[in-house]
PDB file of N, CA and C in Angstrom:
ATOM      1  N   MET A   1       0.878  -1.195   0.025  1.00  0.00           N
ATOM      2  CA  MET A   1       0.062   0.016  -0.035  1.00  0.00           C
ATOM      3  C   MET A   1       0.846   1.188   0.064  1.00  0.00           C
ATOM      4  N   ASN A   2       2.050   1.190   0.697  1.00  0.00           N
ATOM      5  CA  ASN A   2       2.899   2.473   0.761  1.00  0.00           C
ATOM      6  C   ASN A   2       3.601   2.590  -0.701  1.00  0.00           C
ATOM      7  N   ALA A   3       3.861   1.489  -1.520  1.00  0.00           N
ATOM      8  CA  ALA A   3       4.655   1.756  -2.626  1.00  0.00           C
ATOM      9  C   ALA A   3       3.825   2.548  -3.701  1.00  0.00           C
ATOM     10  N   VAL A   4       2.393   2.456  -3.668  1.00  0.00           N
ATOM     11  CA  VAL A   4       1.642   3.266  -4.518  1.00  0.00           C
ATOM     12  C   VAL A   4       1.023   4.604  -3.724  1.00  0.00           C
ATOM     13  N   ASN A   5       1.492   4.809  -2.612  1.00  0.00           N
ATOM     14  CA  ASN A   5       1.035   6.080  -1.870  1.00  0.00           C
ATOM     15  C   ASN A   5      -0.344   6.115  -1.254  1.00  0.00           C
ATOM     16  N   ILE A   6      -0.948   4.884  -1.063  1.00  0.00           N
ATOM     17  CA  ILE A   6      -2.127   4.750  -0.426  1.00  0.00           C
ATOM     18  C   ILE A   6      -2.091   5.174   0.891  1.00  0.00           C
ATOM     19  N   VAL A   7      -0.894   4.806   1.636  1.00  0.00           N
ATOM     20  CA  VAL A   7      -0.596   5.290   2.998  1.00  0.00           C
ATOM     21  C   VAL A   7       0.761   5.752   2.846  1.00  0.00           C
ATOM     22  N   LYS A   8       1.193   6.522   3.723  1.00  0.00           N
ATOM     23  CA  LYS A   8       2.648   7.255   3.783  1.00  0.00           C
ATOM     24  C   LYS A   8       3.830   6.432   4.101  1.00  0.00           C
ATOM     25  N   ARG A   9       3.513   5.538   4.967  1.00  0.00           N
ATOM     26  CA  ARG A   9       4.626   4.783   5.508  1.00  0.00           C
ATOM     27  C   ARG A   9       4.365   3.403   5.661  1.00  0.00           C
ATOM     28  N   ARG A  10       5.425   2.528   5.412  1.00  0.00           N
ATOM     29  CA  ARG A  10       5.084   1.118   5.548  1.00  0.00           C
ATOM     30  C   ARG A  10       4.883   0.598   6.845  1.00  0.00           C
ATOM     31  N   SER A  11       5.161   1.277   7.870  1.00  0.00           N
ATOM     32  CA  SER A  11       4.789   0.843   9.205  1.00  0.00           C
ATOM     33  C   SER A  11       3.190   1.269   9.583  1.00  0.00           C
ATOM     34  N   VAL A  12       2.861   2.224   8.887  1.00  0.00           N
ATOM     35  CA  VAL A  12       1.453   2.513   9.010  1.00  0.00           C
ATOM     36  C   VAL A  12       0.564   1.522   8.128  1.00  0.00           C
ATOM     37  N   ALA A  13       1.135   0.844   7.060  1.00  0.00           N
ATOM     38  CA  ALA A  13       0.282  -0.211   6.560  1.00  0.00           C
ATOM     39  C   ALA A  13       0.467  -1.458   7.213  1.00  0.00           C
ATOM     40  N   GLN A  14       1.495  -1.683   7.942  1.00  0.00           N
ATOM     41  CA  GLN A  14       1.645  -2.860   8.682  1.00  0.00           C
ATOM     42  C   GLN A  14       0.620  -2.732  10.022  1.00  0.00           C
ATOM     43  N   ASP A  15       0.557  -1.732  10.625  1.00  0.00           N
ATOM     44  CA  ASP A  15      -0.507  -1.417  11.819  1.00  0.00           C
ATOM     45  C   ASP A  15      -1.773  -1.561  11.367  1.00  0.00           C
ATOM     46  N   MET A  16      -2.173  -1.023  10.007  1.00  0.00           N
ATOM     47  CA  MET A  16      -3.430  -1.275   9.536  1.00  0.00           C
ATOM     48  C   MET A  16      -3.669  -2.843   9.290  1.00  0.00           C
ATOM     49  N   LEU A  17      -2.798  -3.648   8.773  1.00  0.00           N
ATOM     50  CA  LEU A  17      -2.992  -4.951   8.676  1.00  0.00           C
ATOM     51  C   LEU A  17      -3.073  -5.615  10.109  1.00  0.00           C
ATOM     52  N   ARG A  18      -2.400  -5.197  11.044  1.00  0.00           N
ATOM     53  CA  ARG A  18      -2.568  -5.872  12.312  1.00  0.00           C
ATOM     54  C   ARG A  18      -3.826  -5.568  13.037  1.00  0.00           C
ATOM     55  N   SER A  19      -4.360  -4.349  12.611  1.00  0.00           N
ATOM     56  CA  SER A  19      -5.685  -3.875  13.200  1.00  0.00           C
ATOM     57  C   SER A  19      -6.778  -4.505  12.541  1.00  0.00           C
ATOM     58  N   GLN A  20      -6.603  -5.280  11.276  1.00  0.00           N
ATOM     59  CA  GLN A  20      -7.529  -5.887  10.602  1.00  0.00           C
ATOM     60  C   GLN A  20      -8.677  -4.946  10.095  1.00  0.00           C
ATOM     61  N   VAL A  21      -7.942  -3.905   9.530  1.00  0.00           N
ATOM     62  CA  VAL A  21      -8.976  -2.864   8.654  1.00  0.00           C
ATOM     63  C   VAL A  21      -8.754  -2.959   7.250  1.00  0.00           C
ATOM     64  N   VAL A  22      -7.883  -3.954   6.743  1.00  0.00           N
ATOM     65  CA  VAL A  22      -7.477  -4.040   5.300  1.00  0.00           C
ATOM     66  C   VAL A  22      -8.189  -5.316   4.771  1.00  0.00           C
ATOM     67  N   TYR A  23      -8.679  -5.097   3.547  1.00  0.00           N
ATOM     68  CA  TYR A  23      -9.512  -6.265   2.866  1.00  0.00           C
ATOM     69  C   TYR A  23      -8.964  -6.296   1.569  1.00  0.00           C
ATOM     70  N   LEU A  24      -8.692  -7.615   1.039  1.00  0.00           N
ATOM     71  CA  LEU A  24      -8.362  -7.884  -0.269  1.00  0.00           C
ATOM     72  C   LEU A  24      -9.503  -8.557  -1.019  1.00  0.00           C
ATOM     73  N   ASN A  25     -10.108  -8.114  -1.948  1.00  0.00           N
ATOM     74  CA  ASN A  25     -11.520  -8.866  -2.577  1.00  0.00           C
ATOM     75  C   ASN A  25     -12.300  -9.421  -1.536  1.00  0.00           C
ATOM     76  N   ASP A  26     -12.710  -8.529  -0.665  1.00  0.00           N
ATOM     77  CA  ASP A  26     -13.662  -8.650   0.502  1.00  0.00           C
ATOM     78  C   ASP A  26     -13.311  -9.895   1.442  1.00  0.00           C
ATOM     79  N   GLN A  27     -11.912 -10.165   1.520  1.00  0.00           N
ATOM     80  CA  GLN A  27     -11.396 -11.145   2.645  1.00  0.00           C
ATOM     81  C   GLN A  27     -10.183 -10.266   3.389  1.00  0.00           C
ATOM     82  N   LEU A  28     -10.183 -10.645   4.589  1.00  0.00           N
ATOM     83  CA  LEU A  28      -9.254  -9.960   5.354  1.00  0.00           C
ATOM     84  C   LEU A  28      -7.841 -10.213   4.963  1.00  0.00           C
ATOM     85  N   ALA A  29      -7.096  -8.937   4.728  1.00  0.00           N
ATOM     86  CA  ALA A  29      -5.735  -9.116   4.124  1.00  0.00           C
ATOM     87  C   ALA A  29      -4.758  -9.503   4.992  1.00  0.00           C
ATOM     88  N   LYS A  30      -3.708 -10.436   4.717  1.00  0.00           N
ATOM     89  CA  LYS A  30      -2.649 -10.742   5.357  1.00  0.00           C
ATOM     90  C   LYS A  30      -1.251 -10.159   4.808  1.00  0.00           C
ATOM     91  N   PRO A  31      -0.201  -9.938   5.570  1.00  0.00           N
ATOM     92  CA  PRO A  31       0.951  -9.230   4.949  1.00  0.00           C
ATOM     93  C   PRO A  31       1.631 -10.030   3.857  1.00  0.00           C
ATOM     94  N   SER A  32       1.413 -11.409   3.896  1.00  0.00           N
ATOM     95  CA  SER A  32       1.936 -12.173   2.916  1.00  0.00           C
ATOM     96  C   SER A  32       1.142 -12.402   1.733  1.00  0.00           C
ATOM     97  N   LYS A  33       0.053 -11.889   1.695  1.00  0.00           N
ATOM     98  CA  LYS A  33      -0.802 -12.119   0.616  1.00  0.00           C
ATOM     99  C   LYS A  33      -0.418 -11.419  -0.770  1.00  0.00           C
ATOM    100  N   GLU A  34      -0.468 -11.994  -1.842  1.00  0.00           N
ATOM    101  CA  GLU A  34       0.017 -11.447  -3.121  1.00  0.00           C
ATOM    102  C   GLU A  34      -1.097 -10.655  -3.824  1.00  0.00           C
ATOM    103  N   VAL A  35      -0.933  -9.426  -4.141  1.00  0.00           N
ATOM    104  CA  VAL A  35      -1.801  -8.540  -4.808  1.00  0.00           C
ATOM    105  C   VAL A  35      -1.625  -8.715  -6.227  1.00  0.00           C
ATOM    106  N   LYS A  36      -2.692  -8.768  -7.076  1.00  0.00           N
ATOM    107  CA  LYS A  36      -2.696  -8.938  -8.494  1.00  0.00           C
ATOM    108  C   LYS A  36      -3.451  -7.871  -9.161  1.00  0.00           C
ATOM    109  N   VAL A  37      -3.337  -7.626 -10.275  1.00  0.00           N
ATOM    110  CA  VAL A  37      -4.002  -6.549 -11.257  1.00  0.00           C
ATOM    111  C   VAL A  37      -5.406  -7.130 -11.257  1.00  0.00           C
ATOM    112  N   GLY A  38      -6.443  -5.924 -10.770  1.00  0.00           N
ATOM    113  CA  GLY A  38      -7.693  -6.388 -10.890  1.00  0.00           C
ATOM    114  C   GLY A  38      -8.326  -6.610  -9.427  1.00  0.00           C
ATOM    115  N   ASP A  39      -7.432  -6.855  -8.497  1.00  0.00           N
ATOM    116  CA  ASP A  39      -7.810  -7.048  -7.125  1.00  0.00           C
ATOM    117  C   ASP A  39      -8.578  -5.744  -6.531  1.00  0.00           C
ATOM    118  N   ILE A  40      -9.384  -5.816  -5.512  1.00  0.00           N
ATOM    119  CA  ILE A  40     -10.001  -4.520  -4.915  1.00  0.00           C
ATOM    120  C   ILE A  40      -9.453  -4.538  -3.467  1.00  0.00           C
ATOM    121  N   ILE A  41      -8.759  -3.469  -3.009  1.00  0.00           N
ATOM    122  CA  ILE A  41      -8.271  -3.341  -1.775  1.00  0.00           C
ATOM    123  C   ILE A  41      -9.373  -2.443  -1.009  1.00  0.00           C
ATOM    124  N   THR A  42      -9.858  -2.818  -0.014  1.00  0.00           N
ATOM    125  CA  THR A  42     -10.725  -1.992   0.939  1.00  0.00           C
ATOM    126  C   THR A  42     -10.117  -1.643   2.243  1.00  0.00           C
ATOM    127  N   ILE A  43     -10.198  -0.375   2.577  1.00  0.00           N
ATOM    128  CA  ILE A  43      -9.693   0.000   4.054  1.00  0.00           C
ATOM    129  C   ILE A  43     -10.852   0.505   4.739  1.00  0.00           C
ATOM    130  N   LYS A  44     -11.186   0.057   5.794  1.00  0.00           N
ATOM    131  CA  LYS A  44     -12.238   0.448   6.743  1.00  0.00           C
ATOM    132  C   LYS A  44     -11.742   1.327   7.798  1.00  0.00           C
ATOM    133  N   TYR A  45     -12.230   2.612   7.607  1.00  0.00           N
ATOM    134  CA  TYR A  45     -11.869   3.538   8.566  1.00  0.00           C
ATOM    135  C   TYR A  45     -13.190   3.708   9.532  1.00  0.00           C
ATOM    136  N   LEU A  46     -12.973   4.446  10.679  1.00  0.00           N
ATOM    137  CA  LEU A  46     -13.990   4.706  11.630  1.00  0.00           C
ATOM    138  C   LEU A  46     -15.091   5.363  11.110  1.00  0.00           C
ATOM    139  N   LYS A  47     -14.847   6.372  10.023  1.00  0.00           N
ATOM    140  CA  LYS A  47     -15.910   7.095   9.396  1.00  0.00           C
ATOM    141  C   LYS A  47     -16.160   6.594   7.959  1.00  0.00           C
ATOM    142  N   GLY A  48     -16.161   5.253   7.643  1.00  0.00           N
ATOM    143  CA  GLY A  48     -16.428   4.892   6.348  1.00  0.00           C
ATOM    144  C   GLY A  48     -15.275   3.960   5.913  1.00  0.00           C
ATOM    145  N   GLU A  49     -15.368   3.706   4.661  1.00  0.00           N
ATOM    146  CA  GLU A  49     -14.292   3.066   4.002  1.00  0.00           C
ATOM    147  C   GLU A  49     -13.773   3.495   2.729  1.00  0.00           C
ATOM    148  N   LYS A  50     -12.667   3.168   2.087  1.00  0.00           N
ATOM    149  CA  LYS A  50     -12.111   3.571   0.681  1.00  0.00           C
ATOM    150  C   LYS A  50     -11.832   2.307   0.161  1.00  0.00           C
ATOM    151  N   ARG A  51     -12.108   2.144  -1.126  1.00  0.00           N
ATOM    152  CA  ARG A  51     -11.922   1.056  -1.886  1.00  0.00           C
ATOM    153  C   ARG A  51     -10.959   1.477  -3.314  1.00  0.00           C
ATOM    154  N   TYR A  52     -10.192   0.689  -3.569  1.00  0.00           N
ATOM    155  CA  TYR A  52      -9.041   0.893  -4.669  1.00  0.00           C
ATOM    156  C   TYR A  52      -9.061  -0.389  -5.414  1.00  0.00           C
ATOM    157  N   LYS A  53      -8.833  -0.103  -6.807  1.00  0.00           N
ATOM    158  CA  LYS A  53      -8.659  -1.169  -7.810  1.00  0.00           C
ATOM    159  C   LYS A  53      -7.395  -1.135  -8.104  1.00  0.00           C
ATOM    160  N   VAL A  54      -6.702  -2.284  -8.281  1.00  0.00           N
ATOM    161  CA  VAL A  54      -5.253  -2.424  -8.636  1.00  0.00           C
ATOM    162  C   VAL A  54      -5.195  -2.353 -10.040  1.00  0.00           C
ATOM    163  N   LEU A  55      -4.555  -1.471 -10.739  1.00  0.00           N
ATOM    164  CA  LEU A  55      -4.326  -1.224 -12.336  1.00  0.00           C
ATOM    165  C   LEU A  55      -3.058  -2.047 -12.591  1.00  0.00           C
ATOM    166  N   GLN A  56      -1.904  -1.733 -12.014  1.00  0.00           N
ATOM    167  CA  GLN A  56      -0.526  -2.197 -12.188  1.00  0.00           C
ATOM    168  C   GLN A  56       0.052  -2.552 -11.012  1.00  0.00           C
ATOM    169  N   ILE A  57       0.894  -3.373 -11.028  1.00  0.00           N
ATOM    170  CA  ILE A  57       1.931  -3.746  -9.920  1.00  0.00           C
ATOM    171  C   ILE A  57       3.145  -3.084 -10.087  1.00  0.00           C
ATOM    172  N   PRO A  58       3.653  -2.233  -9.207  1.00  0.00           N
ATOM    173  CA  PRO A  58       4.971  -1.378  -9.467  1.00  0.00           C
ATOM    174  C   PRO A  58       6.064  -2.349  -9.699  1.00  0.00           C
ATOM    175  N   SER A  59       7.047  -2.013 -10.458  1.00  0.00           N
ATOM    176  CA  SER A  59       8.242  -2.833 -10.665  1.00  0.00           C
ATOM    177  C   SER A  59       9.403  -2.131  -9.704  1.00  0.00           C
ATOM    178  N   VAL A  60       9.225  -1.092  -9.044  1.00  0.00           N
ATOM    179  CA  VAL A  60      10.217  -0.459  -8.145  1.00  0.00           C
ATOM    180  C   VAL A  60       9.526  -0.484  -6.904  1.00  0.00           C
ATOM    181  N   LYS A  61      10.191  -0.173  -5.962  1.00  0.00           N
ATOM    182  CA  LYS A  61       9.638  -0.067  -4.344  1.00  0.00           C
ATOM    183  C   LYS A  61       8.926   1.049  -4.141  1.00  0.00           C
ATOM    184  N   ASN A  62       9.174   2.221  -4.568  1.00  0.00           N
ATOM    185  CA  ASN A  62       8.311   3.360  -4.567  1.00  0.00           C
ATOM    186  C   ASN A  62       7.880   4.083  -5.891  1.00  0.00           C
ATOM    187  N   ILE A  63       6.897   4.765  -5.989  1.00  0.00           N
ATOM    188  CA  ILE A  63       6.582   5.492  -7.310  1.00  0.00           C
ATOM    189  C   ILE A  63       6.237   6.876  -6.705  1.00  0.00           C
ATOM    190  N   PRO A  64       6.407   7.761  -7.739  1.00  0.00           N
ATOM    191  CA  PRO A  64       6.025   9.172  -7.419  1.00  0.00           C
ATOM    192  C   PRO A  64       4.586   9.283  -7.240  1.00  0.00           C
ATOM    193  N   LYS A  65       4.117  10.133  -6.431  1.00  0.00           N
ATOM    194  CA  LYS A  65       2.813  10.310  -5.833  1.00  0.00           C
ATOM    195  C   LYS A  65       1.916  10.737  -7.132  1.00  0.00           C
ATOM    196  N   ALA A  66       2.535  11.546  -8.233  1.00  0.00           N
ATOM    197  CA  ALA A  66       2.038  11.940  -9.378  1.00  0.00           C
ATOM    198  C   ALA A  66       1.524  10.705 -10.259  1.00  0.00           C
ATOM    199  N   LYS A  67       2.139   9.735 -10.066  1.00  0.00           N
ATOM    200  CA  LYS A  67       1.819   8.303 -10.946  1.00  0.00           C
ATOM    201  C   LYS A  67       0.912   7.425 -10.282  1.00  0.00           C
ATOM    202  N   MET A  68       0.248   7.775  -9.256  1.00  0.00           N
ATOM    203  CA  MET A  68      -0.516   6.900  -8.306  1.00  0.00           C
ATOM    204  C   MET A  68      -1.729   6.313  -9.210  1.00  0.00           C
ATOM    205  N   ASP A  69      -2.085   7.335  -9.974  1.00  0.00           N
ATOM    206  CA  ASP A  69      -3.392   6.923 -10.904  1.00  0.00           C
ATOM    207  C   ASP A  69      -3.154   5.800 -11.875  1.00  0.00           C
ATOM    208  N   GLU A  70      -1.919   5.610 -12.228  1.00  0.00           N
ATOM    209  CA  GLU A  70      -1.548   4.551 -13.097  1.00  0.00           C
ATOM    210  C   GLU A  70      -1.435   3.049 -12.525  1.00  0.00           C
ATOM    211  N   TYR A  71      -1.396   3.234 -11.108  1.00  0.00           N
ATOM    212  CA  TYR A  71      -1.276   1.839 -10.306  1.00  0.00           C
ATOM    213  C   TYR A  71      -2.712   1.373  -9.721  1.00  0.00           C
ATOM    214  N   VAL A  72      -3.299   2.377  -9.167  1.00  0.00           N
ATOM    215  CA  VAL A  72      -4.614   2.188  -8.396  1.00  0.00           C
ATOM    216  C   VAL A  72      -5.604   3.290  -8.851  1.00  0.00           C
ATOM    217  N   LYS A  73      -6.899   2.745  -8.733  1.00  0.00           N
ATOM    218  CA  LYS A  73      -7.997   3.821  -9.008  1.00  0.00           C
ATOM    219  C   LYS A  73      -8.916   3.652  -7.834  1.00  0.00           C
ATOM    220  N   GLU A  74      -9.239   4.771  -7.206  1.00  0.00           N
ATOM    221  CA  GLU A  74     -10.203   4.910  -5.989  1.00  0.00           C
ATOM    222  C   GLU A  74     -11.521   4.679  -6.565  1.00  0.00           C
ATOM    223  N   LEU A  75     -12.335   3.845  -6.000  1.00  0.00           N
ATOM    224  CA  LEU A  75     -13.678   3.421  -6.500  1.00  0.00           C
ATOM    225  C   LEU A  75     -14.717   4.232  -5.673  1.00  0.00           C
TER     226      LEU A  75
END
């Protein structure tokens, strides 16, 4: 999630996974789960949820924030 700027830091993403607020294709996500093109990531916040569709998998560790739209689409 942090590679495509959904969250700012990897530690935040790991905390979200531990808190069980991240779902992949409507199933609770685990850190080792492989994400594929077409998958839907859902993050459940206290005041609602955000959903993202995976468009591409980055080939580098981090991408510029300006290119986020090439990798995920907010639904």
